[in-house]
Amino acid sequence: MQQSSKKDRFIPLRKTDLINACVAHGQLDESNKKAFKGLCHILVSTLHFEYHQTLETLKDNYAPFDPNADTLPVHATSQISLEDKQQVFAQTFAQVLNAANFEKVTEQDLQEALHEASLFKVRLEVEFADFAEVVFYRRGEYQKTETLSKFWGLKKQQVTFTNYDKVAVYIKFKNAEYFAQKKAKNLNFEPDSTIIKLFQNVPKADLEMLFPNSEVRMRTLDKAIIGGSALVGGTVVLVTKLGASLLLMAGLISYWVGLSDKAVTIGTQELIALCAGAGVIGGFIFKEWSKFKNRKLKFMKALADNLYFKNLDNNAGVFHHLIDAAEEEESKEAILAYYFLLISQHPISSEQLDQQIEEWFAHQFNFEIDFEIEDALNKLHRFSLIEKQDNLYRALPLNQAHAQLDKEWDNIFSTPVNESDSKLT
């Protein structure tokens, strides 16, 4: 398991494995182990229902902007309504990412990434003016080392770089009027649409490849290689294949401009020489142009190959992935906080609880986390599974906690959808 360069909020275990780890901790007797698993099951089910409501909110508000929609709109949506839906969608999406323990990529990080050299040796350019809004989120930041080949594989070099486990991209394009004024053609996206993408294993230096309008550009080194090859090849062609044609052309030009009185007679042999020379020049230009295009295609293939294996999901499909991730994180946080309060011999503070959980996780799994203690306690407090007195917390006994969650579940379908949505942290 790769350790982050700094402690992350993400808990790198499946909730089932985490529950089993708590049970195996040895602090519960056999009857309480079964009761604890039952409590976790109903807690996860309750959170699952809440996140289902959040998913529906995302889908409803994203529908007018979805470039992959395969359903028909029942009625037209006013501009004011579109703006409201866009705002609700953006806010809810950001809340889901936060609940899934993603961090927003700062403007400074993004600018640093755009100016760093790409690891797969491709220079990309992004037209930022095409976007009305751009936000990147990442989860899992750590230092990674890879061996890269240089000088056509003759030299190996180890490179250490910042890598992101997951990167979510939120981009809203400008409207059709902007692209019409720009006279842009063959757009591979819909103006005024909003695209959502999710990637994995992305080097920080290669964040620009995640933009939908990034274009491959030749690096200075590549231009030098092609230019040098063309210069050498052109010199060889001039010396070995165009001698007769050049002498004939020089004679004609000298006679036409008055530098020579000797007339040049163009017969069949001379015409053949001129045509052969033109053919050689044309063939040489085509060959060098093909080299340029093939090198660019090679870079575009490298870009496509990287994106193929890094892309996890697109647009509305991202919601399901992130909702599941957020639900997992919320469940794991609540389970950990309740378990350690349950096994505590006396009420403890949030700081003590946070320290206990982080130390246990580091000892048990050799992985340091930045546990979201406030979020965990807020969830438990919302479900009335804990009690607080003088800034000290204690967990309700398992039988009482189970009864409380049963009551919560019985009332869950009477909760209005907008109230359920407001519970998202």
Protein backbone atom coordinates (compact mmCIF):
# COMPACT_ATOMS: atom_id res chain seq x y z
CA MET A 1 0.00 0.00 0.00
CA GLN A 2 1.47 3.37 -1.11
CA GLN A 3 1.78 5.88 1.76
CA SER A 4 0.90 9.49 0.98
CA SER A 5 3.58 12.15 1.23
CA LYS A 6 1.32 13.76 3.83
CA LYS A 7 -1.48 12.31 5.92
CA ASP A 8 -4.66 11.91 3.92
CA ARG A 9 -8.30 11.92 5.05
CA PHE A 10 -9.00 8.87 2.88
CA ILE A 11 -9.34 5.56 4.77
CA PRO A 12 -7.78 2.95 2.44
CA LEU A 13 -9.93 -0.02 3.51
CA ARG A 14 -13.25 -1.43 2.35
CA LYS A 15 -15.91 -0.92 5.01
CA THR A 16 -16.40 -4.70 5.31
CA ASP A 17 -12.69 -5.17 6.02
CA LEU A 18 -12.77 -2.31 8.53
CA ILE A 19 -15.73 -3.83 10.40
CA ASN A 20 -13.94 -7.19 10.53
CA ALA A 21 -10.76 -5.47 11.77
CA CYS A 22 -12.72 -3.84 14.60
CA VAL A 23 -14.30 -7.19 15.54
CA ALA A 24 -10.87 -8.85 15.44
CA HIS A 25 -9.47 -6.16 17.72
CA GLY A 26 -10.44 -8.34 20.66
CA GLN A 27 -12.29 -5.75 22.76
CA LEU A 28 -15.78 -7.22 22.26
CA ASP A 29 -17.18 -10.53 23.51
CA GLU A 30 -18.93 -12.93 21.13
CA SER A 31 -22.46 -11.59 21.70
CA ASN A 32 -21.33 -7.99 21.28
CA LYS A 33 -19.43 -8.86 18.10
CA LYS A 34 -22.65 -10.00 16.45
CA ALA A 35 -24.55 -6.98 17.79
CA PHE A 36 -21.81 -4.63 16.53
CA LYS A 37 -21.97 -6.11 13.03
CA GLY A 38 -25.76 -5.75 13.05
CA LEU A 39 -25.48 -2.12 14.12
CA CYS A 40 -22.95 -1.43 11.34
CA HIS A 41 -25.29 -3.02 8.80
CA ILE A 42 -28.25 -0.78 9.66
CA LEU A 43 -25.98 2.30 9.92
CA VAL A 44 -24.61 1.63 6.42
CA SER A 45 -28.13 1.05 5.10
CA THR A 46 -29.32 4.37 6.53
CA LEU A 47 -26.43 6.26 4.97
CA HIS A 48 -27.02 4.40 1.69
CA PHE A 49 -30.59 5.68 1.54
CA GLU A 50 -29.45 9.26 2.19
CA TYR A 51 -26.86 9.06 -0.56
CA HIS A 52 -29.45 7.66 -2.95
CA GLN A 53 -31.36 10.91 -2.48
CA THR A 54 -28.17 12.86 -3.14
CA LEU A 55 -27.58 10.87 -6.34
CA GLU A 56 -31.07 11.73 -7.57
CA THR A 57 -30.40 15.42 -6.84
CA LEU A 58 -27.21 15.29 -8.91
CA LYS A 59 -28.89 13.50 -11.81
CA ASP A 60 -31.90 15.86 -11.88
CA ASN A 61 -29.77 19.01 -11.87
CA TYR A 62 -27.15 17.71 -14.31
CA ALA A 63 -29.68 16.47 -16.89
CA PRO A 64 -29.92 19.75 -18.92
CA PHE A 65 -26.11 19.88 -19.26
CA ASP A 66 -25.37 16.19 -19.87
CA PRO A 67 -23.65 15.79 -23.28
CA ASN A 68 -24.38 12.03 -23.22
CA ALA A 69 -28.08 12.22 -22.38
CA ASP A 70 -30.19 9.59 -24.16
CA THR A 71 -33.58 10.76 -22.87
CA LEU A 72 -35.94 13.35 -24.34
CA PRO A 73 -36.63 16.62 -22.48
CA VAL A 74 -40.31 16.86 -21.58
CA HIS A 75 -40.40 20.65 -21.62
CA ALA A 76 -38.07 23.58 -22.23
CA THR A 77 -36.07 24.90 -19.30
CA SER A 78 -35.77 28.65 -18.80
CA GLN A 79 -32.40 30.33 -18.50
CA ILE A 80 -33.05 31.19 -14.85
CA SER A 81 -33.93 27.58 -14.10
CA LEU A 82 -30.79 26.39 -15.91
CA GLU A 83 -28.64 28.71 -13.81
CA ASP A 84 -30.30 27.47 -10.61
CA LYS A 85 -29.77 23.83 -11.61
CA GLN A 86 -26.13 24.51 -12.45
CA GLN A 87 -25.57 26.12 -9.06
CA VAL A 88 -27.29 23.31 -7.12
CA PHE A 89 -25.39 20.70 -9.10
CA ALA A 90 -22.00 22.37 -8.53
CA GLN A 91 -22.63 22.74 -4.78
CA THR A 92 -23.87 19.16 -4.33
CA PHE A 93 -21.05 17.74 -6.44
CA ALA A 94 -18.47 19.59 -4.34
CA GLN A 95 -20.12 18.27 -1.15
CA VAL A 96 -19.98 14.70 -2.44
CA LEU A 97 -16.30 15.05 -3.32
CA ASN A 98 -15.58 16.42 0.14
CA ALA A 99 -17.49 13.54 1.74
CA ALA A 100 -15.44 11.13 -0.40
CA ASN A 101 -12.34 12.82 1.09
CA PHE A 102 -11.17 14.47 -2.15
CA GLU A 103 -9.14 17.69 -1.90
CA LYS A 104 -9.49 20.61 -4.29
CA VAL A 105 -6.43 21.15 -6.49
CA THR A 106 -5.34 24.72 -5.83
CA GLU A 107 -4.67 27.23 -8.58
CA GLN A 108 -0.99 27.18 -7.61
CA ASP A 109 -0.80 23.39 -7.92
CA LEU A 110 -2.50 23.54 -11.32
CA GLN A 111 -0.14 26.21 -12.63
CA GLU A 112 2.88 24.26 -11.36
CA ALA A 113 1.60 21.18 -13.16
CA LEU A 114 1.15 23.08 -16.42
CA HIS A 115 4.74 24.34 -16.31
CA GLU A 116 6.39 21.05 -15.31
CA ALA A 117 7.80 18.74 -17.98
CA SER A 118 5.48 15.89 -18.93
CA LEU A 119 6.64 12.43 -17.89
CA PHE A 120 5.60 10.84 -21.17
CA LYS A 121 7.49 13.40 -23.29
CA VAL A 122 4.55 15.17 -24.88
CA ARG A 123 4.01 18.92 -24.85
CA LEU A 124 0.37 19.93 -24.64
CA GLU A 125 -1.38 23.26 -25.00
CA VAL A 126 -4.76 24.04 -23.43
CA GLU A 127 -7.10 26.82 -24.58
CA PHE A 128 -8.36 27.98 -21.17
CA ALA A 129 -10.52 30.68 -22.75
CA ASP A 130 -12.94 27.92 -23.88
CA PHE A 131 -13.99 27.22 -20.29
CA ALA A 132 -16.53 29.05 -18.17
CA GLU A 133 -15.45 27.10 -15.09
CA VAL A 134 -12.67 24.60 -14.29
CA VAL A 135 -12.18 22.74 -11.02
CA PHE A 136 -9.88 19.78 -10.30
CA TYR A 137 -10.08 17.52 -7.23
CA ARG A 138 -7.60 14.89 -6.14
CA ARG A 139 -7.34 12.14 -3.56
CA GLY A 140 -4.17 10.38 -2.46
CA GLU A 141 -1.01 12.45 -3.01
CA TYR A 142 2.35 10.71 -2.72
CA GLN A 143 5.86 10.61 -4.17
CA LYS A 144 6.44 7.97 -6.84
CA THR A 145 9.64 6.87 -8.57
CA GLU A 146 9.83 5.45 -12.08
CA THR A 147 12.66 4.61 -14.49
CA LEU A 148 12.46 6.48 -17.81
CA SER A 149 14.41 5.78 -21.01
CA LYS A 150 16.44 8.56 -22.62
CA PHE A 151 18.43 8.83 -25.85
CA TRP A 152 16.49 6.06 -27.61
CA GLY A 153 16.82 3.67 -24.68
CA LEU A 154 20.59 4.05 -24.33
CA LYS A 155 20.27 5.69 -20.91
CA LYS A 156 18.00 4.97 -17.96
CA GLN A 157 17.04 7.69 -15.49
CA GLN A 158 15.10 7.43 -12.24
CA VAL A 159 12.58 10.23 -11.79
CA THR A 160 10.69 11.00 -8.57
CA PHE A 161 7.44 12.91 -8.96
CA THR A 162 4.16 13.74 -7.23
CA ASN A 163 1.37 11.32 -8.14
CA TYR A 164 -2.38 11.45 -7.47
CA ASP A 165 -4.37 8.26 -6.85
CA LYS A 166 -7.62 9.78 -8.11
CA VAL A 167 -8.40 13.00 -9.98
CA ALA A 168 -11.92 14.31 -10.62
CA VAL A 169 -12.41 17.00 -13.27
CA TYR A 170 -15.33 19.45 -13.43
CA ILE A 171 -15.43 21.63 -16.56
CA LYS A 172 -18.18 23.89 -17.92
CA PHE A 173 -17.73 25.12 -21.50
CA LYS A 174 -18.69 28.56 -22.72
CA ASN A 175 -21.83 28.99 -24.81
CA ALA A 176 -22.26 28.46 -28.56
CA GLU A 177 -22.07 32.21 -29.27
CA TYR A 178 -18.47 32.31 -27.99
CA PHE A 179 -17.37 29.45 -30.25
CA ALA A 180 -19.24 30.99 -33.22
CA GLN A 181 -17.35 34.27 -32.75
CA LYS A 182 -14.13 32.30 -32.43
CA LYS A 183 -15.03 30.51 -35.71
CA ALA A 184 -14.11 27.21 -34.08
CA LYS A 185 -14.83 24.14 -36.20
CA ASN A 186 -14.99 20.40 -35.55
CA LEU A 187 -15.50 20.76 -31.81
CA ASN A 188 -15.30 17.45 -29.94
CA PHE A 189 -17.61 18.77 -27.21
CA GLU A 190 -20.96 20.52 -26.88
CA PRO A 191 -20.86 24.28 -26.15
CA ASP A 192 -22.48 25.24 -22.84
CA SER A 193 -22.23 21.62 -21.61
CA THR A 194 -20.68 20.46 -18.35
CA ILE A 195 -18.38 17.46 -18.39
CA ILE A 196 -17.32 15.38 -15.40
CA LYS A 197 -14.42 12.94 -15.59
CA LEU A 198 -12.66 10.68 -13.13
CA PHE A 199 -9.07 9.44 -13.57
CA GLN A 200 -6.64 7.30 -11.60
CA ASN A 201 -2.86 7.24 -11.16
CA VAL A 202 -2.18 10.70 -12.59
CA PRO A 203 1.24 12.40 -12.24
CA LYS A 204 0.87 15.99 -11.14
CA ALA A 205 3.03 17.11 -14.09
CA ASP A 206 0.55 15.57 -16.53
CA LEU A 207 -2.66 17.20 -15.30
CA GLU A 208 -2.94 19.13 -18.58
CA MET A 209 -3.59 15.90 -20.48
CA LEU A 210 -6.94 15.64 -18.64
CA PHE A 211 -8.34 18.75 -20.34
CA PRO A 212 -10.77 17.86 -23.16
CA ASN A 213 -9.35 20.44 -25.58
CA SER A 214 -5.63 19.80 -25.04
CA GLU A 215 -3.61 19.69 -28.27
CA VAL A 216 -0.27 18.04 -28.92
CA ARG A 217 2.56 20.44 -29.76
CA MET A 218 6.11 19.60 -30.79
CA ARG A 219 8.75 20.16 -28.15
CA THR A 220 11.87 22.19 -28.99
CA LEU A 221 13.92 18.99 -28.92
CA ASP A 222 11.59 17.30 -31.40
CA LYS A 223 11.70 20.32 -33.72
CA ALA A 224 15.48 20.28 -33.52
CA ILE A 225 15.63 16.56 -34.35
CA ILE A 226 13.33 16.93 -37.35
CA GLY A 227 15.00 20.15 -38.50
CA GLY A 228 18.48 18.65 -38.20
CA SER A 229 17.40 15.56 -40.11
CA ALA A 230 15.87 17.70 -42.84
CA LEU A 231 19.00 19.85 -43.10
CA VAL A 232 21.34 16.87 -43.41
CA GLY A 233 19.00 15.05 -45.80
CA GLY A 234 18.52 18.17 -47.92
CA THR A 235 22.27 18.71 -48.21
CA VAL A 236 22.80 15.12 -49.35
CA VAL A 237 19.99 15.42 -51.92
CA LEU A 238 21.43 18.66 -53.28
CA VAL A 239 24.90 17.24 -53.66
CA THR A 240 24.09 13.76 -54.99
CA LYS A 241 20.84 14.05 -56.94
CA LEU A 242 20.26 17.64 -58.01
CA GLY A 243 23.63 18.60 -59.47
CA ALA A 244 22.57 18.57 -63.13
CA SER A 245 19.23 20.22 -62.44
CA LEU A 246 20.85 22.97 -60.36
CA LEU A 247 23.48 23.72 -63.04
CA LEU A 248 20.74 23.98 -65.67
CA MET A 249 18.63 26.28 -63.47
CA ALA A 250 21.65 28.43 -62.64
CA GLY A 251 22.39 28.83 -66.38
CA LEU A 252 18.81 29.81 -67.16
CA ILE A 253 18.62 32.35 -64.33
CA SER A 254 22.00 33.88 -65.28
CA TYR A 255 20.87 34.30 -68.89
CA TRP A 256 17.49 35.79 -67.89
CA VAL A 257 18.95 38.39 -65.52
CA GLY A 258 21.75 39.32 -67.88
CA LEU A 259 24.69 37.84 -66.03
CA SER A 260 25.53 35.58 -68.94
CA ASP A 261 25.32 35.98 -72.76
CA LYS A 262 25.24 32.25 -73.34
CA ALA A 263 21.76 31.06 -74.23
CA VAL A 264 20.55 27.87 -72.65
CA THR A 265 18.75 25.50 -74.97
CA ILE A 266 16.11 23.36 -73.24
CA GLY A 267 15.66 20.12 -75.08
CA THR A 268 14.25 16.74 -74.12
CA GLN A 269 17.26 15.86 -72.00
CA GLU A 270 17.11 19.16 -70.12
CA LEU A 271 13.37 18.81 -69.50
CA ILE A 272 13.89 15.34 -68.11
CA ALA A 273 16.60 16.68 -65.78
CA LEU A 274 14.33 19.52 -64.57
CA CYS A 275 11.39 17.18 -64.00
CA ALA A 276 13.61 14.70 -62.19
CA GLY A 277 14.90 17.49 -59.97
CA ALA A 278 11.37 18.70 -59.22
CA GLY A 279 10.36 15.15 -58.41
CA VAL A 280 13.31 14.70 -56.05
CA ILE A 281 12.53 17.97 -54.26
CA GLY A 282 8.83 17.08 -53.99
CA GLY A 283 9.64 13.62 -52.68
CA PHE A 284 12.06 15.04 -50.12
CA ILE A 285 9.51 17.60 -48.86
CA PHE A 286 6.81 14.92 -48.62
CA LYS A 287 9.18 12.61 -46.73
CA GLU A 288 10.08 15.27 -44.17
CA TRP A 289 6.43 16.33 -43.78
CA SER A 290 5.51 12.67 -43.20
CA LYS A 291 8.21 12.42 -40.52
CA PHE A 292 6.69 15.41 -38.75
CA LYS A 293 3.14 14.03 -38.96
CA ASN A 294 4.21 10.54 -37.87
CA ARG A 295 6.06 11.93 -34.85
CA LYS A 296 3.00 13.95 -33.89
CA LEU A 297 0.78 10.88 -34.33
CA LYS A 298 3.18 8.95 -32.10
CA PHE A 299 2.75 11.56 -29.37
CA MET A 300 -1.03 11.57 -29.80
CA LYS A 301 -1.04 7.77 -29.44
CA ALA A 302 1.04 8.07 -26.26
CA LEU A 303 -1.53 10.56 -24.94
CA ALA A 304 -4.46 8.31 -25.91
CA ASP A 305 -2.81 5.23 -24.39
CA ASN A 306 -2.23 7.03 -21.11
CA LEU A 307 -5.80 8.33 -20.94
CA TYR A 308 -7.24 4.92 -21.86
CA PHE A 309 -5.77 3.26 -18.78
CA LYS A 310 -6.24 6.24 -16.47
CA ASN A 311 -9.87 7.06 -17.25
CA LEU A 312 -12.33 5.54 -14.75
CA ASP A 313 -15.64 7.16 -15.66
CA ASN A 314 -17.31 10.04 -17.49
CA ASN A 315 -20.15 12.49 -16.89
CA ALA A 316 -23.22 11.00 -15.17
CA GLY A 317 -21.34 7.73 -14.58
CA VAL A 318 -18.96 9.62 -12.30
CA PHE A 319 -21.84 10.32 -9.90
CA HIS A 320 -22.33 6.64 -9.13
CA HIS A 321 -18.60 6.16 -8.54
CA LEU A 322 -18.27 9.18 -6.26
CA ILE A 323 -21.53 8.57 -4.42
CA ASP A 324 -20.32 5.06 -3.60
CA ALA A 325 -16.94 6.44 -2.50
CA ALA A 326 -18.58 9.11 -0.31
CA GLU A 327 -20.94 6.57 1.23
CA GLU A 328 -18.00 4.27 1.99
CA GLU A 329 -15.98 7.06 3.64
CA GLU A 330 -18.92 8.32 5.70
CA SER A 331 -19.71 4.79 6.87
CA LYS A 332 -16.09 4.02 7.79
CA GLU A 333 -15.70 7.26 9.74
CA ALA A 334 -18.89 6.67 11.73
CA ILE A 335 -18.05 3.00 12.41
CA LEU A 336 -14.52 3.78 13.64
CA ALA A 337 -15.66 6.62 15.91
CA TYR A 338 -18.52 4.59 17.42
CA TYR A 339 -16.35 1.50 17.95
CA PHE A 340 -13.59 3.31 19.82
CA LEU A 341 -16.11 5.18 21.95
CA LEU A 342 -17.85 1.88 22.64
CA ILE A 343 -14.71 0.15 23.92
CA SER A 344 -13.56 3.14 25.95
CA GLN A 345 -13.82 2.63 29.71
CA HIS A 346 -14.89 6.23 30.28
CA PRO A 347 -16.02 9.28 28.26
CA ILE A 348 -13.22 10.88 26.22
CA SER A 349 -12.66 14.09 24.29
CA SER A 350 -12.70 14.36 20.50
CA GLU A 351 -8.92 14.94 20.53
CA GLN A 352 -8.31 11.75 22.50
CA LEU A 353 -10.63 9.79 20.22
CA ASP A 354 -8.95 11.17 17.10
CA GLN A 355 -5.50 10.22 18.43
CA GLN A 356 -6.60 6.70 19.41
CA ILE A 357 -8.05 5.99 15.97
CA GLU A 358 -5.05 7.35 14.07
CA GLU A 359 -2.57 5.46 16.26
CA TRP A 360 -4.55 2.21 15.95
CA PHE A 361 -4.73 2.54 12.18
CA ALA A 362 -1.00 3.27 11.88
CA HIS A 363 -0.15 0.30 14.11
CA GLN A 364 -2.67 -2.10 12.56
CA PHE A 365 -2.16 -1.26 8.88
CA ASN A 366 1.14 0.66 8.80
CA PHE A 367 -0.64 3.62 7.19
CA GLU A 368 -1.09 7.12 8.59
CA ILE A 369 -4.43 8.87 8.11
CA ASP A 370 -5.81 12.26 9.06
CA PHE A 371 -9.06 11.04 10.60
CA GLU A 372 -12.07 13.33 10.14
CA ILE A 373 -13.11 13.30 13.79
CA GLU A 374 -15.60 16.18 13.61
CA ASP A 375 -17.45 14.68 10.63
CA ALA A 376 -17.60 11.30 12.35
CA LEU A 377 -18.95 12.72 15.61
CA ASN A 378 -21.48 14.88 13.75
CA LYS A 379 -22.89 11.81 12.02
CA LEU A 380 -23.12 9.85 15.26
CA HIS A 381 -24.72 12.82 16.99
CA ARG A 382 -27.24 13.21 14.16
CA PHE A 383 -28.30 9.59 14.63
CA SER A 384 -28.27 10.03 18.44
CA LEU A 385 -25.75 7.20 18.89
CA ILE A 386 -23.50 9.16 21.26
CA GLU A 387 -23.88 11.41 24.28
CA LYS A 388 -21.85 14.51 25.06
CA GLN A 389 -21.21 16.10 28.44
CA ASP A 390 -18.53 18.65 29.30
CA ASN A 391 -16.93 18.13 25.85
CA LEU A 392 -16.53 14.42 26.59
CA TYR A 393 -18.19 11.73 24.48
CA ARG A 394 -19.53 8.28 25.20
CA ALA A 395 -21.28 5.76 22.93
CA LEU A 396 -24.72 4.42 23.61
CA PRO A 397 -24.62 0.71 24.53
CA LEU A 398 -25.13 -1.57 21.53
CA ASN A 399 -28.74 -2.52 22.38
CA GLN A 400 -29.76 1.12 22.83
CA ALA A 401 -27.88 2.21 19.72
CA HIS A 402 -29.56 -0.52 17.68
CA ALA A 403 -32.99 0.55 18.93
CA GLN A 404 -32.20 4.17 18.07
CA LEU A 405 -31.13 3.28 14.52
CA ASP A 406 -34.26 1.11 14.12
CA LYS A 407 -36.32 4.16 15.03
CA GLU A 408 -34.31 6.27 12.60
CA TRP A 409 -34.89 3.74 9.83
CA ASP A 410 -38.63 3.52 10.53
CA ASN A 411 -38.92 7.30 10.12
CA ILE A 412 -36.60 7.63 7.16
CA PHE A 413 -39.28 7.52 4.45
CA SER A 414 -41.22 10.32 6.13
CA THR A 415 -38.20 12.63 5.80
CA PRO A 416 -38.61 15.16 2.96
CA VAL A 417 -36.00 14.83 0.23
CA ASN A 418 -34.65 18.35 0.73
CA GLU A 419 -34.01 17.64 4.41
CA SER A 420 -32.24 14.41 3.55
CA ASP A 421 -30.01 16.28 1.09
CA SER A 422 -29.05 18.80 3.76
CA LYS A 423 -27.49 16.03 5.85
CA LEU A 424 -24.63 15.65 3.39
CA THR A 425 -21.33 16.79 4.93
